Each structure stands twice: as structure tokens, then as C-alpha cells.
Amino acid sequence: MYDNNDIIGYLQTNKILAIKLEHALTGVGKAVSNQAETIAKGTQRALYYASCFTDEYQDVCKKQKIEDVRFKDGVTHLFQKENIACEILRIYFEEVFRYKTADQIERIKKMLMAVNVHVAASSLTSAGFALAVACLVSMGMNLSLHISALVGRRAAGLVGIAGAYGIVQKAADSAHRLYYLSPTYYAALYAQELEMMYFLVEPLFERASAFEQSASDVGIADTITRMIR
């Protein structure tokens, strides 16, 4: 298992955390496997900032500045929360279980047990079960937030403004995709200032095809199983 310190430590090693944090331009994030793409995205983002003096790019600049502030807000929560992955997942599962009855939750629990997935929930309320499932998934050894899965290997090249902006751009792209895939989940994360941190767990959602599964009890159980395995 890992925690936020693993993420923070990686970023500190790569000199990402210190870049422009005080100006709310960057902060912490997670280097993503394609480092060249990340730096390219960062360079493009920086060029848009350089074009802010022209009328043509005012809307783009305004959007980027909002994203930068939201990214900084997400960074703050990364330091404040013991396990930000669990928190992001908890919000997701709270939406999933919001309208499920105790009987439906019990049925989902039994389906998970049938495939050897045991959720240690003290109660079968939607909130309690959501937290238990989120913690279970975040502790999974195959969780896509694992450093090696996202970063591949440490790279000294992922430093400086381009690298840092690239991480912010990755986060912004991820949040944008989520907005269209699941507006409700996006809104729930946005309310908690976490939508720009979604990119940390996006590979997990993609691997589990979370937004393609039905909201039926069977579909939810399948999603949880895919996330854990």
C-alpha cells in the first residue's frame, strides 16, 4: 500500500512541487507515463499564456487561469487528506449508491463475496458502504494510481515549467473528459475542489470501464471487481 507521501516524495525528487506553487500555477500532480507528451502539453500551455496579450486567446487564458487555481486547490487537499485516492473514490461510490436500498446494497455485497471480494462495512447505509468500498479499492495492489503504473520510471527531464505545466494540462484534460463522461460525479468532485485531482485515478476508471457499466446491481458489482483486479 502507498499513501500521499509516496506521491509527494516522487514529485519532490523530480523538483516539480516547488515550481510556481505560490503563484497558483502548478503544484503537485503525478507524472504520467508518456513524459515527452507531458512536456509537449506543458509547452503548449505555456505558449497560450504567452499569447494572453492578444484578443484571440483571451478565452483560453481565462480558462487556463481558472484551471491553475483549481489545481492549486486540489494540491492543498492532497496535503490535508490522509489518502486522497480513497476520498476521490468515496465521492464516486457515494453517487453510485445514493439511491440504493439496504437490500440492494446487501445483494451487491453478496455478489462481491461470490468472487472473493470482501467489503468490511459495519453498516449497509449507502454512505458507509461507499466509504468501505472506496478504501478497499484504494488499497488494492493493482490500483492504477500506483507510481510505477503512471510514471513508468523516474525521469530527470520532467522538470521545469514545461513539465509542471504539462501535469496541470494532463489534469485539466482529465477533468474535461470526466465532465462529459459523468457530469454528476464531476460536479461532486468540483464541490470538494477535487476535480483537478481526478487524473490521479483516471486510469483505474478506464481499466474498469466504470462509466460504461450499467447502474444495475450486477453492473456495479462488476465495476468494483474490475477496479480491484
Protein backbone atom coordinates (compact mmCIF):
# COMPACT_ATOMS: atom_id res chain seq x y z
CA MET A 1 0.00 0.00 0.00
CA TYR A 2 1.12 3.60 -0.56
CA ASP A 3 -0.16 6.94 0.63
CA ASN A 4 0.10 10.59 -0.32
CA ASN A 5 3.69 10.71 0.89
CA ASP A 6 4.68 8.38 -1.96
CA ILE A 7 3.21 10.79 -4.48
CA ILE A 8 4.63 13.87 -2.78
CA GLY A 9 8.04 12.25 -2.39
CA TYR A 10 8.17 11.38 -6.08
CA LEU A 11 7.30 14.93 -7.06
CA GLN A 12 9.83 16.43 -4.68
CA THR A 13 12.53 14.20 -6.13
CA ASN A 14 11.70 15.47 -9.59
CA LYS A 15 11.61 19.11 -8.46
CA ILE A 16 8.02 19.53 -9.54
CA LEU A 17 6.43 20.51 -6.26
CA ALA A 18 8.36 23.75 -5.81
CA ILE A 19 7.61 25.25 -9.23
CA LYS A 20 5.27 28.22 -9.15
CA LEU A 21 3.12 26.85 -6.35
CA GLU A 22 2.98 30.25 -4.68
CA HIS A 23 1.50 31.71 -7.87
CA ALA A 24 -1.18 29.03 -8.08
CA LEU A 25 0.12 27.95 -11.44
CA THR A 26 1.17 24.42 -10.56
CA GLY A 27 1.92 22.37 -7.53
CA VAL A 28 1.66 18.70 -7.08
CA GLY A 29 0.47 16.19 -9.53
CA LYS A 30 1.60 12.91 -10.84
CA ALA A 31 3.98 12.46 -13.74
CA VAL A 32 2.26 10.40 -16.38
CA SER A 33 3.85 7.57 -18.33
CA ASN A 34 4.39 9.43 -21.60
CA GLN A 35 6.84 12.06 -20.38
CA ALA A 36 7.50 13.57 -23.80
CA GLU A 37 3.77 14.10 -24.27
CA THR A 38 3.55 15.72 -20.84
CA ILE A 39 6.31 18.20 -21.62
CA ALA A 40 4.79 18.91 -25.04
CA LYS A 41 1.44 19.67 -23.42
CA GLY A 42 3.18 21.92 -20.92
CA THR A 43 4.99 23.80 -23.65
CA GLN A 44 1.72 24.36 -25.47
CA ARG A 45 0.08 25.57 -22.27
CA ALA A 46 2.94 27.98 -21.61
CA LEU A 47 2.68 29.30 -25.17
CA TYR A 48 -1.01 30.02 -24.64
CA TYR A 49 -0.04 32.06 -21.60
CA ALA A 50 2.48 33.93 -23.69
CA SER A 51 -0.37 34.79 -26.08
CA CYS A 52 -2.59 36.25 -23.37
CA PHE A 53 -1.90 39.75 -24.59
CA THR A 54 -3.80 39.09 -27.81
CA ASP A 55 -7.58 39.19 -28.02
CA GLU A 56 -7.68 35.87 -29.87
CA TYR A 57 -6.56 33.85 -26.85
CA GLN A 58 -8.33 35.67 -24.03
CA ASP A 59 -10.90 32.90 -23.52
CA VAL A 60 -8.20 30.24 -23.49
CA CYS A 61 -6.12 32.22 -21.00
CA LYS A 62 -9.08 32.78 -18.71
CA LYS A 63 -9.89 29.07 -18.78
CA GLN A 64 -6.30 28.11 -18.02
CA LYS A 65 -6.05 30.54 -15.11
CA ILE A 66 -9.19 29.04 -13.57
CA GLU A 67 -7.75 25.55 -14.04
CA ASP A 68 -4.49 26.62 -12.40
CA VAL A 69 -6.30 27.90 -9.34
CA ARG A 70 -8.43 24.77 -9.15
CA PHE A 71 -5.28 22.65 -9.47
CA LYS A 72 -3.72 24.55 -6.58
CA ASP A 73 -6.84 23.92 -4.52
CA GLY A 74 -6.54 20.22 -5.29
CA VAL A 75 -2.91 20.27 -4.22
CA THR A 76 -3.95 21.69 -0.86
CA HIS A 77 -6.27 18.75 -0.32
CA LEU A 78 -3.51 16.33 -1.30
CA PHE A 79 -1.54 17.53 1.70
CA GLN A 80 -4.53 17.71 4.01
CA LYS A 81 -6.08 14.32 3.31
CA GLU A 82 -4.53 11.08 4.51
CA ASN A 83 -5.48 9.22 1.33
CA ILE A 84 -6.74 11.37 -1.49
CA ALA A 85 -7.38 8.35 -3.72
CA CYS A 86 -9.80 6.96 -1.16
CA GLU A 87 -11.52 10.34 -0.93
CA ILE A 88 -11.96 10.65 -4.70
CA LEU A 89 -13.29 7.09 -4.84
CA ARG A 90 -15.59 7.65 -1.86
CA ILE A 91 -17.26 10.53 -3.66
CA TYR A 92 -17.71 8.33 -6.72
CA PHE A 93 -19.26 5.45 -4.79
CA GLU A 94 -21.49 7.78 -2.81
CA GLU A 95 -23.01 8.80 -6.13
CA VAL A 96 -23.27 5.16 -7.20
CA PHE A 97 -25.01 4.02 -4.01
CA ARG A 98 -27.01 7.19 -3.36
CA TYR A 99 -30.37 5.70 -4.32
CA LYS A 100 -29.66 2.08 -3.47
CA THR A 101 -31.70 0.48 -0.72
CA ALA A 102 -30.18 -1.61 2.06
CA ASP A 103 -31.45 -4.74 0.31
CA GLN A 104 -29.77 -3.74 -2.95
CA ILE A 105 -26.51 -3.00 -1.17
CA GLU A 106 -26.71 -6.37 0.57
CA ARG A 107 -27.19 -8.01 -2.83
CA ILE A 108 -24.15 -6.21 -4.24
CA LYS A 109 -22.13 -7.25 -1.20
CA LYS A 110 -23.08 -10.89 -1.73
CA MET A 111 -22.18 -10.72 -5.42
CA LEU A 112 -18.76 -9.36 -4.45
CA MET A 113 -18.28 -12.10 -1.88
CA ALA A 114 -19.05 -14.65 -4.57
CA VAL A 115 -15.95 -13.50 -6.46
CA ASN A 116 -13.86 -13.32 -3.28
CA VAL A 117 -14.15 -9.57 -2.79
CA HIS A 118 -14.97 -8.88 0.84
CA VAL A 119 -16.14 -5.41 1.85
CA ALA A 120 -15.74 -4.78 5.57
CA ALA A 121 -18.67 -2.44 6.07
CA SER A 122 -20.03 -2.06 9.60
CA SER A 123 -23.36 -0.87 8.21
CA LEU A 124 -25.21 -1.17 4.94
CA THR A 125 -26.09 2.51 4.62
CA SER A 126 -25.14 3.95 1.25
CA ALA A 127 -22.54 6.29 2.80
CA GLY A 128 -21.00 3.60 4.97
CA PHE A 129 -20.77 1.09 2.16
CA ALA A 130 -19.37 3.74 -0.21
CA LEU A 131 -16.55 4.51 2.22
CA ALA A 132 -15.77 0.83 2.79
CA VAL A 133 -15.64 0.07 -0.94
CA ALA A 134 -13.53 3.17 -1.64
CA CYS A 135 -10.98 2.20 1.00
CA LEU A 136 -10.88 -1.37 -0.29
CA VAL A 137 -10.28 -0.27 -3.87
CA SER A 138 -7.64 2.30 -2.89
CA MET A 139 -5.73 -0.38 -1.00
CA GLY A 140 -5.72 -2.73 -4.00
CA MET A 141 -2.28 -3.72 -5.19
CA ASN A 142 -3.28 -3.15 -8.80
CA LEU A 143 -4.65 0.32 -8.31
CA SER A 144 -3.68 2.44 -11.30
CA LEU A 145 -2.65 5.29 -9.05
CA HIS A 146 0.45 3.22 -8.18
CA ILE A 147 3.52 5.21 -9.13
CA SER A 148 5.01 2.59 -11.43
CA ALA A 149 1.77 2.33 -13.41
CA LEU A 150 1.53 6.04 -14.14
CA VAL A 151 5.13 7.15 -14.22
CA GLY A 152 6.96 4.13 -15.50
CA ARG A 153 10.35 5.32 -14.31
CA ARG A 154 11.75 8.49 -12.84
CA ALA A 155 12.92 10.95 -15.40
CA ALA A 156 15.12 13.93 -14.74
CA GLY A 157 13.70 15.54 -17.86
CA LEU A 158 10.29 16.05 -16.33
CA VAL A 159 11.29 19.26 -14.60
CA GLY A 160 10.92 22.96 -15.13
CA ILE A 161 7.98 24.97 -16.31
CA ALA A 162 7.13 22.76 -19.30
CA GLY A 163 6.97 19.63 -17.15
CA ALA A 164 4.94 21.32 -14.45
CA TYR A 165 2.53 22.91 -16.91
CA GLY A 166 2.25 19.55 -18.62
CA ILE A 167 0.99 17.98 -15.40
CA VAL A 168 -1.60 20.74 -15.00
CA GLN A 169 -2.66 20.22 -18.61
CA LYS A 170 -2.98 16.46 -18.04
CA ALA A 171 -5.16 17.21 -15.01
CA ALA A 172 -7.28 19.69 -16.99
CA ASP A 173 -7.75 17.26 -19.89
CA SER A 174 -8.76 14.53 -17.47
CA ALA A 175 -11.27 16.78 -15.70
CA HIS A 176 -12.68 17.83 -19.06
CA ARG A 177 -13.21 14.21 -20.08
CA LEU A 178 -14.90 13.47 -16.77
CA TYR A 179 -17.24 16.43 -17.25
CA TYR A 180 -18.66 14.77 -20.37
CA LEU A 181 -18.50 11.19 -19.14
CA SER A 182 -20.17 11.80 -15.79
CA PRO A 183 -21.38 15.35 -15.12
CA THR A 184 -22.80 14.30 -11.74
CA TYR A 185 -19.53 12.85 -10.50
CA TYR A 186 -17.63 15.84 -11.90
CA ALA A 187 -19.93 18.21 -10.02
CA ALA A 188 -19.48 16.24 -6.80
CA LEU A 189 -15.69 16.40 -7.12
CA TYR A 190 -15.85 20.07 -8.10
CA ALA A 191 -17.80 20.88 -4.95
CA GLN A 192 -14.95 19.36 -2.94
CA GLU A 193 -12.23 21.09 -5.04
CA LEU A 194 -11.00 17.72 -6.28
CA GLU A 195 -11.95 17.59 -9.95
CA MET A 196 -8.39 18.51 -10.99
CA MET A 197 -7.08 15.58 -8.96
CA TYR A 198 -9.24 13.07 -10.82
CA PHE A 199 -6.39 12.40 -13.26
CA LEU A 200 -4.62 10.52 -10.45
CA VAL A 201 -7.22 7.75 -10.61
CA GLU A 202 -8.50 8.11 -14.18
CA PRO A 203 -6.54 5.04 -15.44
CA LEU A 204 -8.32 2.97 -12.81
CA PHE A 205 -11.74 4.12 -14.06
CA GLU A 206 -10.73 3.49 -17.66
CA ARG A 207 -9.47 -0.01 -16.90
CA ALA A 208 -12.70 -0.85 -15.10
CA SER A 209 -14.85 0.78 -17.84
CA ALA A 210 -16.61 2.41 -14.90
CA PHE A 211 -18.68 4.84 -16.93
CA GLU A 212 -19.67 2.23 -19.47
CA GLN A 213 -21.19 -0.19 -16.97
CA SER A 214 -24.89 -0.06 -16.16
CA ALA A 215 -26.13 1.26 -12.83
CA SER A 216 -27.74 -2.09 -12.06
CA ASP A 217 -26.64 -4.07 -9.03
CA VAL A 218 -24.82 -6.51 -11.30
CA GLY A 219 -23.13 -3.69 -13.22
CA ILE A 220 -21.95 -2.00 -10.02
CA ALA A 221 -20.59 -5.24 -8.60
CA ASP A 222 -18.74 -5.85 -11.86
CA THR A 223 -17.24 -2.36 -11.80
CA ILE A 224 -15.97 -2.80 -8.24
CA THR A 225 -14.47 -6.18 -9.12
CA ARG A 226 -12.72 -4.74 -12.17
CA MET A 227 -11.30 -1.88 -10.09
CA ILE A 228 -9.85 -4.25 -7.52
CA ARG A 229 -8.47 -6.73 -10.03
